[in-house]
C-alpha atoms as a PDB file:
ATOM      1  CA  UNK A   1      -0.173  -0.040  -0.412  1.00  0.00           C
ATOM      2  CA  UNK A   2       2.435   2.841   1.159  1.00  0.00           C
ATOM      3  CA  UNK A   3       4.212   1.533  -2.783  1.00  0.00           C
ATOM      4  CA  UNK A   4       1.259   2.341  -4.389  1.00  0.00           C
ATOM      5  CA  UNK A   5       0.777   6.251  -2.536  1.00  0.00           C
ATOM      6  CA  UNK A   6       4.057   6.904  -3.107  1.00  0.00           C
ATOM      7  CA  UNK A   7       3.976   6.093  -6.682  1.00  0.00           C
ATOM      8  CA  UNK A   8       0.991   8.011  -7.111  1.00  0.00           C
ATOM      9  CA  UNK A   9       2.697  10.860  -4.754  1.00  0.00           C
ATOM     10  CA  UNK A  10       5.218  10.620  -8.128  1.00  0.00           C
ATOM     11  CA  UNK A  11       3.417  11.272 -10.204  1.00  0.00           C
ATOM     12  CA  UNK A  12       0.695  13.479  -9.012  1.00  0.00           C
ATOM     13  CA  UNK A  13       4.289  15.587  -8.190  1.00  0.00           C
ATOM     14  CA  UNK A  14       5.589  15.236 -11.815  1.00  0.00           C
ATOM     15  CA  UNK A  15       1.815  16.090 -12.941  1.00  0.00           C
ATOM     16  CA  UNK A  16       1.863  19.964 -11.555  1.00  0.00           C
ATOM     17  CA  UNK A  17       6.175  20.461 -12.406  1.00  0.00           C
ATOM     18  CA  UNK A  18       4.362  19.949 -16.447  1.00  0.00           C
ATOM     19  CA  UNK A  19       1.636  22.062 -15.664  1.00  0.00           C
ATOM     20  CA  UNK A  20       4.471  25.086 -13.535  1.00  0.00           C
ATOM     21  CA  UNK A  21       5.596  26.504 -17.439  1.00  0.00           C
ATOM     22  CA  UNK A  22       1.685  26.693 -18.997  1.00  0.00           C
ATOM     23  CA  UNK A  23       1.014  28.319 -15.643  1.00  0.00           C
ATOM     24  CA  UNK A  24       3.756  31.201 -15.955  1.00  0.00           C
ATOM     25  CA  UNK A  25       3.524  31.654 -19.553  1.00  0.00           C
ATOM     26  CA  UNK A  26      -0.539  32.030 -19.833  1.00  0.00           C
ATOM     27  CA  UNK A  27      -1.008  35.742 -19.656  1.00  0.00           C
ATOM     28  CA  UNK A  28      -0.012  36.784 -23.496  1.00  0.00           C
ATOM     29  CA  UNK A  29       2.633  39.275 -24.544  1.00  0.00           C
ATOM     30  CA  UNK A  30       1.635  42.521 -26.036  1.00  0.00           C
ATOM     31  CA  UNK A  31       2.542  46.332 -25.651  1.00  0.00           C
ATOM     32  CA  UNK A  32       1.327  49.255 -25.937  1.00  0.00           C
ATOM     33  CA  UNK A  33       1.986  53.177 -25.032  1.00  0.00           C
ATOM     34  CA  UNK A  34       0.605  56.047 -25.660  1.00  0.00           C
ATOM     35  CA  UNK A  35       1.406  58.590 -28.891  1.00  0.00           C
ATOM     36  CA  UNK A  36       3.844  61.247 -28.012  1.00  0.00           C
ATOM     37  CA  UNK A  37       3.329  64.328 -29.646  1.00  0.00           C
ATOM     38  CA  UNK A  38       5.486  67.621 -28.829  1.00  0.00           C
ATOM     39  CA  UNK A  39       6.866  70.903 -29.990  1.00  0.00           C
ATOM     40  CA  UNK A  40      10.672  71.721 -29.394  1.00  0.00           C
ATOM     41  CA  UNK A  41      10.863  75.591 -28.515  1.00  0.00           C
ATOM     42  CA  UNK A  42      14.171  78.244 -28.007  1.00  0.00           C
ATOM     43  CA  UNK A  43      13.710  79.381 -24.156  1.00  0.00           C
ATOM     44  CA  UNK A  44      13.966  82.696 -24.635  1.00  0.00           C
ATOM     45  CA  UNK A  45      12.044  83.087 -27.979  1.00  0.00           C
ATOM     46  CA  UNK A  46       9.691  80.055 -27.276  1.00  0.00           C
ATOM     47  CA  UNK A  47       9.685  80.118 -31.365  1.00  0.00           C
ATOM     48  CA  UNK A  48      10.330  76.966 -33.139  1.00  0.00           C
ATOM     49  CA  UNK A  49      14.007  74.419 -33.315  1.00  0.00           C
ATOM     50  CA  UNK A  50      15.187  73.054 -36.252  1.00  0.00           C
ATOM     51  CA  UNK A  51      16.829  69.982 -37.174  1.00  0.00           C
ATOM     52  CA  UNK A  52      16.726  68.670 -32.439  1.00  0.00           C
ATOM     53  CA  UNK A  53      16.626  65.517 -32.628  1.00  0.00           C
ATOM     54  CA  UNK A  54      14.252  63.996 -30.330  1.00  0.00           C
ATOM     55  CA  UNK A  55      14.558  59.977 -29.247  1.00  0.00           C
ATOM     56  CA  UNK A  56      11.994  57.880 -27.329  1.00  0.00           C
ATOM     57  CA  UNK A  57      13.194  54.528 -25.705  1.00  0.00           C
ATOM     58  CA  UNK A  58      10.322  51.799 -24.731  1.00  0.00           C
ATOM     59  CA  UNK A  59      11.889  49.420 -21.460  1.00  0.00           C
ATOM     60  CA  UNK A  60      10.316  46.437 -21.371  1.00  0.00           C
ATOM     61  CA  UNK A  61       7.900  45.348 -18.724  1.00  0.00           C
ATOM     62  CA  UNK A  62       6.472  41.769 -17.753  1.00  0.00           C
ATOM     63  CA  UNK A  63       3.279  40.777 -16.030  1.00  0.00           C
ATOM     64  CA  UNK A  64       3.839  36.986 -14.881  1.00  0.00           C
ATOM     65  CA  UNK A  65       1.859  35.570 -12.510  1.00  0.00           C
ATOM     66  CA  UNK A  66       0.096  39.460 -11.971  1.00  0.00           C
ATOM     67  CA  UNK A  67       3.826  40.208 -10.568  1.00  0.00           C
ATOM     68  CA  UNK A  68       5.218  43.071 -11.866  1.00  0.00           C
ATOM     69  CA  UNK A  69       9.144  42.599 -13.602  1.00  0.00           C
ATOM     70  CA  UNK A  70      10.714  45.626 -15.687  1.00  0.00           C
ATOM     71  CA  UNK A  71      14.123  44.587 -16.844  1.00  0.00           C
ATOM     72  CA  UNK A  72      17.471  45.347 -18.374  1.00  0.00           C
ATOM     73  CA  UNK A  73      14.718  44.579 -21.691  1.00  0.00           C
ATOM     74  CA  UNK A  74      14.729  47.680 -24.282  1.00  0.00           C
ATOM     75  CA  UNK A  75      11.570  46.525 -26.363  1.00  0.00           C
ATOM     76  CA  UNK A  76      11.339  49.876 -28.937  1.00  0.00           C
ATOM     77  CA  UNK A  77      14.527  52.761 -29.382  1.00  0.00           C
ATOM     78  CA  UNK A  78      12.751  55.426 -32.160  1.00  0.00           C
ATOM     79  CA  UNK A  79      14.678  58.624 -32.909  1.00  0.00           C
ATOM     80  CA  UNK A  80      12.364  61.679 -34.888  1.00  0.00           C
ATOM     81  CA  UNK A  81      13.888  65.147 -36.514  1.00  0.00           C
ATOM     82  CA  UNK A  82      12.099  68.271 -35.434  1.00  0.00           C
ATOM     83  CA  UNK A  83      10.913  70.582 -39.055  1.00  0.00           C
END
């Protein structure tokens, strides 16, 4: 009887270990961001500046089982030049 229970617990433990990865990746990987608008102006005159390079960087933040984790992963970097 003891051998049967030990074997049953072994099977249940193996099944649990097989399901753990499925639970951690069950949430789909998505990303979103709002559109960015702006104007670069001269501090003294308030006149728009031409030829200024603007850089935007999005950092990847993961949600795993409800926990937020921000690593050093860069999702996207965009450059724009004012006109």
